[in-house]
Amino acid sequence: MIRSLTFLTLLCLSSPAWAEEAIEDPTAPFALIRNSVSASGQEGLGRIEVDAALFEKSDSSFADVRLFRIREEEILEWPYLVRETRPRRKEVAPREVSSEIVAFDKSSEDLLVYTVELPEKSPEISQLRIHTPLRNFEKTVSVFGKSKDENWTPLVSDFLIYDREAFVDFRRTDIPLPKGHYDQIRIQLEDATDEQQSDLRRVTKTLGNPSGPQVTESTTVKTRNFRVDRFSFFTPKQPRQPERGQVTYPIQIVSQELIAKEGREEKTDSEIILETKTIPLHQISLTIPERNFRRAVRIEVPRKDDPEKWRSIGSDTIHRYDLAGLEEEKLNLRFSEIQADRIRLVIDNGDNRPIAVSSAKGMGPLVEFLFLTEPGDQWQLAYHAPAAELERPDYDTAVLQRAESEGIAEEGLTLSDPSPNPVYDESAGITLPPWFAQKWILHLLIAAVVALLIWVLYGAAKKVEAVE
């Protein structure tokens, strides 16, 4: 038995080349793979869109993502260019046009007439805004326009402006106008004065009076004039530009609960935790069934030094009004682009009833891999290398950039669903010290291991012989 072990040991020592000649599959360091096939019959550019599944299991810099071209038995690592496209602005925002009040007429107690002059060669306008400090009002407005050597033309008749602060946070003082060039605008406000009524109730108690407390009620009526600080005019929104480069991703709501408000435990805020899978996002859109509300929202992500704590990345407001046929809503939260596995939303409810979020979705840039293709090639995308410390590859992408700028036709390739890599090896891709690659070091380590094995087996064999 000992002779057989000795022969096996000598055979291992005389043939250490097995460790040097083993061929490693280039996809071995990566735990997941996805396949695709080029259907184009000519050379060109291939394009693969990075989806939520790829974002979730890859590094934010794509250091652990490799593209391989498969041709017959050959597996060759293939260079690619990461292209990120941000969306263009949907439209050019309106611009305010300066104006001056040149005449005022109070023909009666209930009618105010303002004449406003626009600058010479004024641009086209499409909106009027009335600035007033008053609250809780409802007024009817009519607007007329006039150009040089022309009569006054009715633009808007009996338009209702209002402020309903006593019931809900809802205010409308903007008036849409027909698009046009005007030299002067005349604004008529009806019901210029209103009456503010306040009720006062006094409770008095006379000692020794068996009939109990006495209640006295009185009503005070105060006349209030409508005050206008100034008028603003705005140019129309410019036509929409083609939007590109924005992708919508579904977001899972992990938890939703009420938390004590900071410094005031008797009040509660709504906390929503979203799972975002490190997708780059710059906007979140919420679905909320409630109506007639306005809330401030704080947006937070986990801290890098302590993932259990949160840091703020911005704040925004959401609202939804549905009252007497008037509908308006804003349920989008905008913030600087961020990549995080979770996002926390804290909705400030104040003294109001809490609101619940039924669903959410995120918007982010379009991220694609661009590479050269040849007819009939098969492609394999390998990624997620948790055991290896990899750096983002430094590919020569000059030809890709030039081809993109020249408008070379691009073929969009569809990836298969992620699947486990059958040749995944946790030890593959681990960088060893340079001295470990020396042949004599390798031989020495093999000899030491084999010697240790001989010593253990020799001791076991001696015990067996002693028993026999």
Protein backbone atom coordinates (compact mmCIF):
# COMPACT_ATOMS: atom_id res chain seq x y z
CA MET A 1 0.00 0.00 0.00
CA ILE A 2 2.82 2.37 0.91
CA ARG A 3 4.59 1.56 -2.36
CA SER A 4 1.44 2.44 -4.34
CA LEU A 5 1.12 5.80 -2.56
CA THR A 6 4.78 6.54 -3.23
CA PHE A 7 4.37 5.81 -6.94
CA LEU A 8 1.28 8.07 -7.16
CA THR A 9 3.14 10.89 -5.43
CA LEU A 10 6.10 10.65 -7.79
CA LEU A 11 3.71 10.69 -10.75
CA CYS A 12 2.13 13.94 -9.50
CA LEU A 13 5.52 15.57 -8.91
CA SER A 14 6.80 14.63 -12.34
CA SER A 15 3.68 16.01 -14.12
CA PRO A 16 2.78 19.45 -12.70
CA ALA A 17 1.88 20.70 -16.17
CA TRP A 18 -1.84 19.97 -15.59
CA ALA A 19 -2.12 23.18 -13.62
CA GLU A 20 -0.47 25.21 -16.37
CA GLU A 21 -2.21 23.74 -19.40
CA ALA A 22 -5.81 23.85 -18.10
CA ILE A 23 -7.91 26.06 -20.35
CA GLU A 24 -10.35 28.33 -18.49
CA ASP A 25 -13.68 29.33 -20.07
CA PRO A 26 -13.65 33.16 -20.38
CA THR A 27 -17.20 33.32 -19.01
CA ALA A 28 -16.28 31.39 -15.84
CA PRO A 29 -16.00 34.43 -13.49
CA PHE A 30 -19.58 35.52 -14.25
CA ALA A 31 -22.60 33.99 -12.55
CA LEU A 32 -25.26 34.98 -15.10
CA ILE A 33 -25.47 34.84 -18.89
CA ARG A 34 -27.92 36.07 -21.56
CA ASN A 35 -27.88 35.08 -25.22
CA SER A 36 -28.73 36.84 -28.47
CA VAL A 37 -28.39 36.31 -32.23
CA SER A 38 -27.75 38.86 -34.97
CA ALA A 39 -30.31 38.62 -37.77
CA SER A 40 -28.61 41.14 -40.05
CA GLY A 41 -27.07 39.91 -43.30
CA GLN A 42 -24.31 42.55 -43.40
CA GLU A 43 -21.75 44.19 -41.19
CA GLY A 44 -22.94 47.07 -39.07
CA LEU A 45 -23.66 48.16 -35.52
CA GLY A 46 -25.45 46.10 -32.90
CA ARG A 47 -27.39 47.66 -30.04
CA ILE A 48 -28.41 46.05 -26.75
CA GLU A 49 -30.59 47.96 -24.28
CA VAL A 50 -29.70 47.67 -20.59
CA ASP A 51 -32.88 46.61 -18.78
CA ALA A 52 -33.86 46.38 -15.11
CA ALA A 53 -32.62 42.78 -14.76
CA LEU A 54 -29.15 43.78 -15.99
CA PHE A 55 -29.01 46.88 -13.78
CA GLU A 56 -29.97 44.82 -10.75
CA LYS A 57 -27.10 42.31 -10.95
CA SER A 58 -24.28 44.38 -12.44
CA ASP A 59 -21.94 47.05 -11.15
CA SER A 60 -23.00 50.66 -11.78
CA SER A 61 -19.87 51.16 -13.95
CA PHE A 62 -20.44 47.83 -15.80
CA ALA A 63 -17.02 46.61 -14.64
CA ASP A 64 -18.43 43.09 -14.30
CA VAL A 65 -20.13 42.95 -17.71
CA ARG A 66 -18.51 41.26 -20.73
CA LEU A 67 -19.80 40.71 -24.25
CA PHE A 68 -18.64 37.57 -26.07
CA ARG A 69 -18.91 36.71 -29.76
CA ILE A 70 -19.58 33.01 -30.34
CA ARG A 71 -18.58 31.60 -33.74
CA GLU A 72 -18.59 27.81 -33.96
CA GLU A 73 -16.31 26.73 -31.07
CA GLU A 74 -14.63 30.11 -30.64
CA ILE A 75 -15.64 32.36 -27.71
CA LEU A 76 -14.05 35.79 -28.11
CA GLU A 77 -14.43 38.79 -25.80
CA TRP A 78 -15.89 41.65 -27.86
CA PRO A 79 -15.47 45.39 -27.24
CA TYR A 80 -18.57 47.54 -26.72
CA LEU A 81 -19.39 51.20 -26.14
CA VAL A 82 -21.70 52.31 -23.32
CA ARG A 83 -24.11 54.91 -24.69
CA GLU A 84 -26.33 56.90 -22.33
CA THR A 85 -29.05 59.11 -23.79
CA ARG A 86 -30.92 61.64 -21.66
CA PRO A 87 -34.37 62.86 -22.74
CA ARG A 88 -34.73 66.16 -24.49
CA ARG A 89 -37.02 68.78 -23.03
CA LYS A 90 -40.57 68.17 -24.14
CA GLU A 91 -41.24 71.84 -24.77
CA VAL A 92 -39.78 75.29 -24.27
CA ALA A 93 -41.24 76.93 -21.16
CA PRO A 94 -43.33 80.12 -21.54
CA ARG A 95 -41.50 83.45 -21.18
CA GLU A 96 -42.89 86.39 -19.25
CA VAL A 97 -43.53 89.63 -21.19
CA SER A 98 -43.23 92.95 -19.36
CA SER A 99 -46.29 95.21 -19.18
CA GLU A 100 -47.48 98.48 -17.60
CA ILE A 101 -50.88 99.62 -16.29
CA VAL A 102 -51.64 102.88 -18.14
CA ALA A 103 -55.29 103.45 -17.17
CA PHE A 104 -57.72 102.49 -14.41
CA ASP A 105 -61.47 103.09 -14.30
CA LYS A 106 -63.84 102.36 -11.42
CA SER A 107 -67.10 103.06 -13.21
CA SER A 108 -69.20 101.48 -10.45
CA GLU A 109 -68.80 99.76 -7.10
CA ASP A 110 -68.85 96.35 -8.76
CA LEU A 111 -66.72 96.90 -11.89
CA LEU A 112 -62.98 97.59 -12.19
CA VAL A 113 -61.41 98.25 -15.60
CA TYR A 114 -57.61 98.13 -16.17
CA THR A 115 -55.81 99.06 -19.38
CA VAL A 116 -52.39 97.48 -19.75
CA GLU A 117 -49.83 98.39 -22.40
CA LEU A 118 -47.39 95.86 -23.82
CA PRO A 119 -43.94 96.82 -25.15
CA GLU A 120 -43.43 97.73 -28.78
CA LYS A 121 -42.92 94.69 -31.02
CA SER A 122 -44.22 92.50 -28.25
CA PRO A 123 -43.99 88.74 -28.89
CA GLU A 124 -47.06 86.57 -29.18
CA ILE A 125 -48.85 86.06 -25.84
CA SER A 126 -51.23 83.32 -24.74
CA GLN A 127 -51.71 83.67 -20.99
CA LEU A 128 -52.59 86.33 -18.39
CA ARG A 129 -51.88 86.08 -14.67
CA ILE A 130 -53.51 88.33 -12.07
CA HIS A 131 -51.39 88.95 -8.96
CA THR A 132 -53.44 89.65 -5.83
CA PRO A 133 -52.63 89.16 -2.13
CA LEU A 134 -56.26 88.37 -1.25
CA ARG A 135 -57.56 84.96 -0.22
CA ASN A 136 -61.00 83.35 -0.27
CA PHE A 137 -62.55 85.12 -3.24
CA GLU A 138 -64.41 84.42 -6.48
CA LYS A 139 -64.43 86.97 -9.33
CA THR A 140 -65.55 87.11 -12.96
CA VAL A 141 -63.04 88.49 -15.51
CA SER A 142 -63.41 89.57 -19.14
CA VAL A 143 -60.41 90.40 -21.35
CA PHE A 144 -60.19 92.49 -24.55
CA GLY A 145 -57.24 93.02 -26.90
CA LYS A 146 -56.32 95.78 -29.34
CA SER A 147 -53.60 96.23 -31.93
CA LYS A 148 -52.63 99.52 -33.62
CA ASP A 149 -55.51 101.35 -35.34
CA GLU A 150 -57.94 98.57 -34.48
CA ASN A 151 -60.96 98.30 -32.23
CA TRP A 152 -61.11 96.33 -29.01
CA THR A 153 -61.68 92.64 -29.65
CA PRO A 154 -63.16 90.32 -26.98
CA LEU A 155 -60.63 87.64 -26.03
CA VAL A 156 -62.17 86.02 -22.93
CA SER A 157 -65.65 86.52 -21.46
CA ASP A 158 -66.85 85.78 -17.91
CA PHE A 159 -63.82 83.75 -16.87
CA LEU A 160 -63.90 82.70 -13.21
CA ILE A 161 -60.85 83.24 -11.00
CA TYR A 162 -60.93 82.14 -7.37
CA ASP A 163 -59.14 81.20 -4.18
CA ARG A 164 -60.71 78.55 -1.94
CA GLU A 165 -58.24 78.48 0.92
CA ALA A 166 -61.04 78.09 3.48
CA PHE A 167 -61.94 74.67 1.99
CA VAL A 168 -58.91 73.35 0.09
CA ASP A 169 -55.48 74.53 -1.07
CA PHE A 170 -56.68 75.47 -4.55
CA ARG A 171 -56.19 78.77 -6.39
CA ARG A 172 -56.66 79.85 -10.01
CA THR A 173 -55.60 83.29 -11.20
CA ASP A 174 -54.20 82.33 -14.63
CA ILE A 175 -56.37 83.08 -17.69
CA PRO A 176 -55.65 81.45 -21.07
CA LEU A 177 -55.82 83.85 -24.02
CA PRO A 178 -56.07 83.29 -27.78
CA LYS A 179 -52.58 83.45 -29.24
CA GLY A 180 -51.85 86.80 -30.85
CA HIS A 181 -49.84 90.03 -30.96
CA TYR A 182 -51.44 92.91 -29.03
CA ASP A 183 -50.43 96.46 -28.15
CA GLN A 184 -52.92 96.89 -25.32
CA ILE A 185 -55.01 94.61 -23.13
CA ARG A 186 -58.13 95.67 -21.21
CA ILE A 187 -59.17 93.64 -18.13
CA GLN A 188 -62.61 93.98 -16.52
CA LEU A 189 -63.23 92.55 -13.04
CA GLU A 190 -66.81 92.23 -11.91
CA ASP A 191 -68.00 91.98 -8.30
CA ALA A 192 -65.11 94.22 -7.27
CA THR A 193 -66.28 94.33 -3.65
CA ASP A 194 -67.43 91.47 -1.47
CA GLU A 195 -68.74 91.01 2.03
CA GLN A 196 -66.83 89.01 4.65
CA GLN A 197 -69.15 87.77 7.40
CA SER A 198 -67.94 86.62 10.82
CA ASP A 199 -70.13 85.18 13.59
CA LEU A 200 -69.33 85.80 17.26
CA ARG A 201 -70.87 83.84 20.09
CA ARG A 202 -70.53 84.91 23.75
CA VAL A 203 -71.33 82.65 26.68
CA THR A 204 -71.97 84.38 30.06
CA LYS A 205 -72.84 82.88 33.43
CA THR A 206 -74.42 84.83 36.26
CA LEU A 207 -73.72 83.58 39.78
CA GLY A 208 -76.85 82.51 41.58
CA ASN A 209 -78.91 82.39 38.38
CA PRO A 210 -80.68 79.02 38.35
CA SER A 211 -81.42 79.20 34.63
CA GLY A 212 -77.75 78.51 33.75
CA PRO A 213 -75.37 80.17 31.21
CA GLN A 214 -76.70 82.71 28.72
CA VAL A 215 -75.60 82.71 25.06
CA THR A 216 -75.41 85.91 22.99
CA GLU A 217 -74.73 85.79 19.24
CA SER A 218 -73.72 88.66 16.95
CA THR A 219 -72.77 88.93 13.29
CA THR A 220 -70.24 91.33 11.78
CA VAL A 221 -70.25 92.13 8.03
CA LYS A 222 -67.13 93.77 6.52
CA THR A 223 -66.92 95.12 2.98
CA ARG A 224 -63.63 94.23 1.19
CA ASN A 225 -62.29 95.76 -2.03
CA PHE A 226 -60.51 93.53 -4.52
CA ARG A 227 -56.86 94.54 -4.86
CA VAL A 228 -54.62 93.88 -7.88
CA ASP A 229 -50.85 94.24 -7.50
CA ARG A 230 -49.92 93.68 -11.15
CA PHE A 231 -50.62 91.69 -14.31
CA SER A 232 -48.24 89.24 -16.03
CA PHE A 233 -48.39 88.02 -19.63
CA PHE A 234 -46.65 84.91 -20.99
CA THR A 235 -45.67 83.63 -24.41
CA PRO A 236 -47.10 80.26 -25.56
CA LYS A 237 -45.26 76.99 -25.11
CA GLN A 238 -43.27 76.11 -28.17
CA PRO A 239 -44.16 72.95 -30.15
CA ARG A 240 -43.06 69.67 -28.66
CA GLN A 241 -39.70 68.35 -29.69
CA PRO A 242 -39.37 64.62 -30.30
CA GLU A 243 -38.67 63.01 -26.96
CA ARG A 244 -36.00 60.34 -26.81
CA GLY A 245 -33.80 58.65 -24.30
CA GLN A 246 -36.24 58.07 -21.44
CA VAL A 247 -37.21 54.62 -20.21
CA THR A 248 -39.98 53.76 -17.74
CA TYR A 249 -39.23 51.06 -15.16
CA PRO A 250 -41.75 49.43 -12.79
CA ILE A 251 -40.89 49.98 -9.12
CA GLN A 252 -41.96 47.68 -6.29
CA ILE A 253 -43.36 49.19 -3.08
CA VAL A 254 -41.57 47.25 -0.31
CA SER A 255 -43.36 48.85 2.65
CA GLN A 256 -45.80 51.65 3.40
CA GLU A 257 -46.55 52.81 6.92
CA LEU A 258 -47.16 55.81 9.15
CA ILE A 259 -44.23 57.14 11.21
CA ALA A 260 -44.08 59.72 13.98
CA LYS A 261 -43.31 63.21 12.76
CA GLU A 262 -39.90 64.53 13.83
CA GLY A 263 -40.30 66.53 17.03
CA ARG A 264 -44.08 65.99 17.16
CA GLU A 265 -45.01 62.42 18.05
CA GLU A 266 -48.76 63.15 18.00
CA LYS A 267 -48.55 63.71 14.22
CA THR A 268 -47.65 61.16 11.55
CA ASP A 269 -45.97 61.18 8.13
CA SER A 270 -46.39 58.54 5.42
CA GLU A 271 -43.22 56.52 4.73
CA ILE A 272 -42.93 54.58 1.45
CA ILE A 273 -39.90 52.35 0.73
CA LEU A 274 -39.32 51.61 -2.96
CA GLU A 275 -37.04 48.90 -4.39
CA THR A 276 -35.21 50.45 -7.37
CA LYS A 277 -32.52 47.80 -8.13
CA THR A 278 -29.74 50.39 -8.75
CA ILE A 279 -31.53 51.63 -11.88
CA PRO A 280 -30.45 55.22 -12.72
CA LEU A 281 -33.55 57.33 -12.04
CA HIS A 282 -34.36 61.03 -12.18
CA GLN A 283 -38.13 60.90 -11.71
CA ILE A 284 -40.74 58.82 -9.87
CA SER A 285 -44.41 58.82 -10.83
CA LEU A 286 -46.96 57.84 -8.16
CA THR A 287 -50.52 56.53 -8.42
CA ILE A 288 -52.71 57.84 -5.57
CA PRO A 289 -56.48 57.18 -5.40
CA GLU A 290 -57.26 60.13 -3.07
CA ARG A 291 -58.22 63.54 -4.45
CA ASN A 292 -58.19 67.20 -3.38
CA PHE A 293 -54.85 67.15 -1.58
CA ARG A 294 -51.43 68.76 -1.72
CA ARG A 295 -48.41 67.31 0.09
CA ALA A 296 -44.70 67.98 0.42
CA VAL A 297 -42.49 64.92 -0.18
CA ARG A 298 -38.90 64.30 0.92
CA ILE A 299 -36.81 61.91 -1.22
CA GLU A 300 -34.03 59.91 0.50
CA VAL A 301 -31.54 57.12 -0.32
CA PRO A 302 -29.39 54.92 1.96
CA ARG A 303 -26.16 56.46 3.27
CA LYS A 304 -22.95 54.95 1.94
CA ASP A 305 -21.29 54.75 5.36
CA ASP A 306 -24.38 53.26 7.05
CA PRO A 307 -27.00 51.72 4.70
CA GLU A 308 -29.51 51.51 7.58
CA LYS A 309 -29.68 55.31 7.72
CA TRP A 310 -31.00 57.72 5.10
CA ARG A 311 -29.79 60.90 3.45
CA SER A 312 -31.95 63.41 1.59
CA ILE A 313 -31.40 63.97 -2.14
CA GLY A 314 -34.24 66.43 -2.73
CA SER A 315 -37.84 67.39 -2.11
CA ASP A 316 -40.89 68.09 -4.25
CA THR A 317 -44.66 68.51 -3.97
CA ILE A 318 -47.55 66.46 -5.30
CA HIS A 319 -51.20 67.46 -5.63
CA ARG A 320 -54.47 66.34 -7.11
CA TYR A 321 -57.54 68.56 -7.42
CA ASP A 322 -60.95 67.37 -8.57
CA LEU A 323 -63.57 69.91 -7.58
CA ALA A 324 -66.70 71.12 -9.39
CA GLY A 325 -65.47 69.90 -12.77
CA LEU A 326 -61.96 71.35 -12.34
CA GLU A 327 -59.25 68.72 -12.66
CA GLU A 328 -55.53 69.20 -12.09
CA GLU A 329 -52.81 66.90 -10.80
CA LYS A 330 -49.05 66.58 -10.41
CA LEU A 331 -47.90 63.21 -9.08
CA ASN A 332 -44.31 63.21 -10.44
CA LEU A 333 -41.29 63.66 -8.17
CA ARG A 334 -38.18 65.05 -9.86
CA PHE A 335 -34.64 64.89 -8.45
CA SER A 336 -31.01 64.65 -9.54
CA GLU A 337 -30.18 61.33 -11.20
CA ILE A 338 -29.27 58.66 -8.65
CA GLN A 339 -28.49 54.93 -8.59
CA ALA A 340 -29.56 53.19 -5.38
CA ASP A 341 -31.13 49.86 -4.49
CA ARG A 342 -33.81 51.60 -2.37
CA ILE A 343 -35.51 55.00 -2.28
CA ARG A 344 -37.48 56.32 0.67
CA LEU A 345 -40.34 58.80 0.29
CA VAL A 346 -41.58 60.72 3.34
CA ILE A 347 -44.92 62.45 2.74
CA ASP A 348 -45.66 65.32 5.13
CA ASN A 349 -49.33 64.95 6.09
CA GLY A 350 -49.44 67.92 8.49
CA ASP A 351 -52.79 67.90 10.29
CA ASN A 352 -54.50 66.17 7.36
CA ARG A 353 -55.50 62.59 6.79
CA PRO A 354 -52.71 60.31 5.50
CA ILE A 355 -52.61 59.46 1.80
CA ALA A 356 -51.65 56.05 0.41
CA VAL A 357 -49.70 55.19 -2.76
CA SER A 358 -51.12 52.29 -4.77
CA SER A 359 -48.27 51.95 -7.33
CA ALA A 360 -45.12 53.65 -8.59
CA LYS A 361 -42.89 53.73 -11.64
CA GLY A 362 -39.52 55.33 -12.30
CA MET A 363 -38.10 57.20 -15.26
CA GLY A 364 -34.42 57.09 -16.20
CA PRO A 365 -32.04 57.53 -19.14
CA LEU A 366 -31.76 55.07 -21.99
CA VAL A 367 -28.52 53.05 -21.56
CA GLU A 368 -27.29 50.84 -24.43
CA PHE A 369 -24.27 48.75 -25.44
CA LEU A 370 -23.07 49.52 -28.98
CA PHE A 371 -20.73 47.11 -30.83
CA LEU A 372 -19.69 45.89 -34.29
CA THR A 373 -21.65 42.97 -35.76
CA GLU A 374 -21.06 40.49 -38.54
CA PRO A 375 -23.67 38.30 -40.32
CA GLY A 376 -24.86 35.26 -38.41
CA ASP A 377 -22.87 35.88 -35.22
CA GLN A 378 -24.19 34.70 -31.88
CA TRP A 379 -23.69 36.80 -28.77
CA GLN A 380 -23.47 36.08 -25.09
CA LEU A 381 -23.59 38.70 -22.36
CA ALA A 382 -21.94 37.51 -19.14
CA TYR A 383 -22.22 39.54 -15.93
CA HIS A 384 -22.39 39.53 -12.12
CA ALA A 385 -18.99 38.43 -10.80
CA PRO A 386 -19.41 38.58 -6.99
CA ALA A 387 -16.17 36.71 -6.23
CA ALA A 388 -13.84 38.59 -8.61
CA GLU A 389 -12.57 42.14 -8.31
CA LEU A 390 -12.85 43.42 -11.87
CA GLU A 391 -12.23 46.83 -13.41
CA ARG A 392 -14.15 48.34 -16.30
CA PRO A 393 -12.43 47.17 -19.51
CA ASP A 394 -10.56 49.76 -21.55
CA TYR A 395 -11.74 49.00 -25.09
CA ASP A 396 -10.79 50.79 -28.29
CA THR A 397 -14.15 52.35 -29.18
CA ALA A 398 -12.98 54.97 -31.69
CA VAL A 399 -14.55 53.17 -34.66
CA LEU A 400 -17.82 52.77 -32.74
CA GLN A 401 -17.98 56.49 -31.96
CA ARG A 402 -17.22 57.40 -35.56
CA ALA A 403 -19.78 54.94 -36.94
CA GLU A 404 -22.42 56.33 -34.59
CA SER A 405 -21.70 59.92 -35.63
CA GLU A 406 -21.89 58.95 -39.31
CA GLY A 407 -25.34 57.46 -38.84
CA ILE A 408 -24.44 53.85 -39.64
CA ALA A 409 -27.54 51.65 -39.41
CA GLU A 410 -28.00 49.98 -36.04
CA GLU A 411 -29.58 46.60 -35.37
CA GLY A 412 -31.41 46.24 -32.06
CA LEU A 413 -30.68 42.85 -30.49
CA THR A 414 -33.00 41.22 -27.95
CA LEU A 415 -31.48 39.42 -24.98
CA SER A 416 -32.82 36.19 -23.54
CA ASP A 417 -33.89 36.03 -19.90
CA PRO A 418 -31.05 35.74 -17.35
CA SER A 419 -29.93 32.18 -16.62
CA PRO A 420 -27.22 30.69 -14.35
CA ASN A 421 -23.86 30.23 -16.04
CA PRO A 422 -23.19 26.44 -16.15
CA VAL A 423 -19.38 26.99 -16.08
CA TYR A 424 -19.44 29.61 -13.31
CA ASP A 425 -16.42 29.24 -11.02
CA GLU A 426 -16.19 31.37 -7.87
CA SER A 427 -12.39 31.17 -7.95
CA ALA A 428 -12.15 32.30 -11.59
CA GLY A 429 -11.06 35.85 -12.19
CA ILE A 430 -9.45 36.27 -8.77
CA THR A 431 -6.21 38.17 -9.16
CA LEU A 432 -3.20 36.45 -7.57
CA PRO A 433 0.08 38.13 -6.58
CA PRO A 434 2.66 38.33 -9.44
CA TRP A 435 5.13 36.10 -7.62
CA PHE A 436 2.52 33.33 -7.56
CA ALA A 437 2.89 32.93 -11.33
CA GLN A 438 6.56 31.84 -11.01
CA LYS A 439 7.00 28.18 -12.10
CA TRP A 440 9.29 27.22 -9.25
CA ILE A 441 6.79 28.63 -6.76
CA LEU A 442 4.04 26.53 -8.32
CA HIS A 443 6.20 23.40 -8.23
CA LEU A 444 7.18 24.04 -4.63
CA LEU A 445 3.58 24.45 -3.51
CA ILE A 446 2.53 21.25 -5.28
CA ALA A 447 5.42 19.33 -3.73
CA ALA A 448 4.53 20.65 -0.26
CA VAL A 449 0.91 19.63 -0.62
CA VAL A 450 1.83 16.17 -1.89
CA ALA A 451 4.41 15.69 0.89
CA LEU A 452 1.80 16.57 3.48
CA LEU A 453 -0.57 14.07 1.89
CA ILE A 454 2.13 11.33 1.97
CA TRP A 455 2.83 12.01 5.63
CA VAL A 456 -0.84 11.73 6.55
CA LEU A 457 -1.37 8.55 4.52
CA TYR A 458 1.87 6.99 5.85
CA GLY A 459 0.74 7.54 9.41
CA ALA A 460 -2.64 6.00 8.63
CA ALA A 461 -0.99 2.99 6.96
CA LYS A 462 1.28 2.36 10.00
CA LYS A 463 -1.76 2.31 12.25
CA VAL A 464 -3.48 -0.21 9.95
CA GLU A 465 -0.38 -2.48 9.95
CA ALA A 466 -0.13 -2.29 13.76
CA VAL A 467 -3.73 -3.40 14.07
CA GLU A 468 -3.16 -6.27 11.65
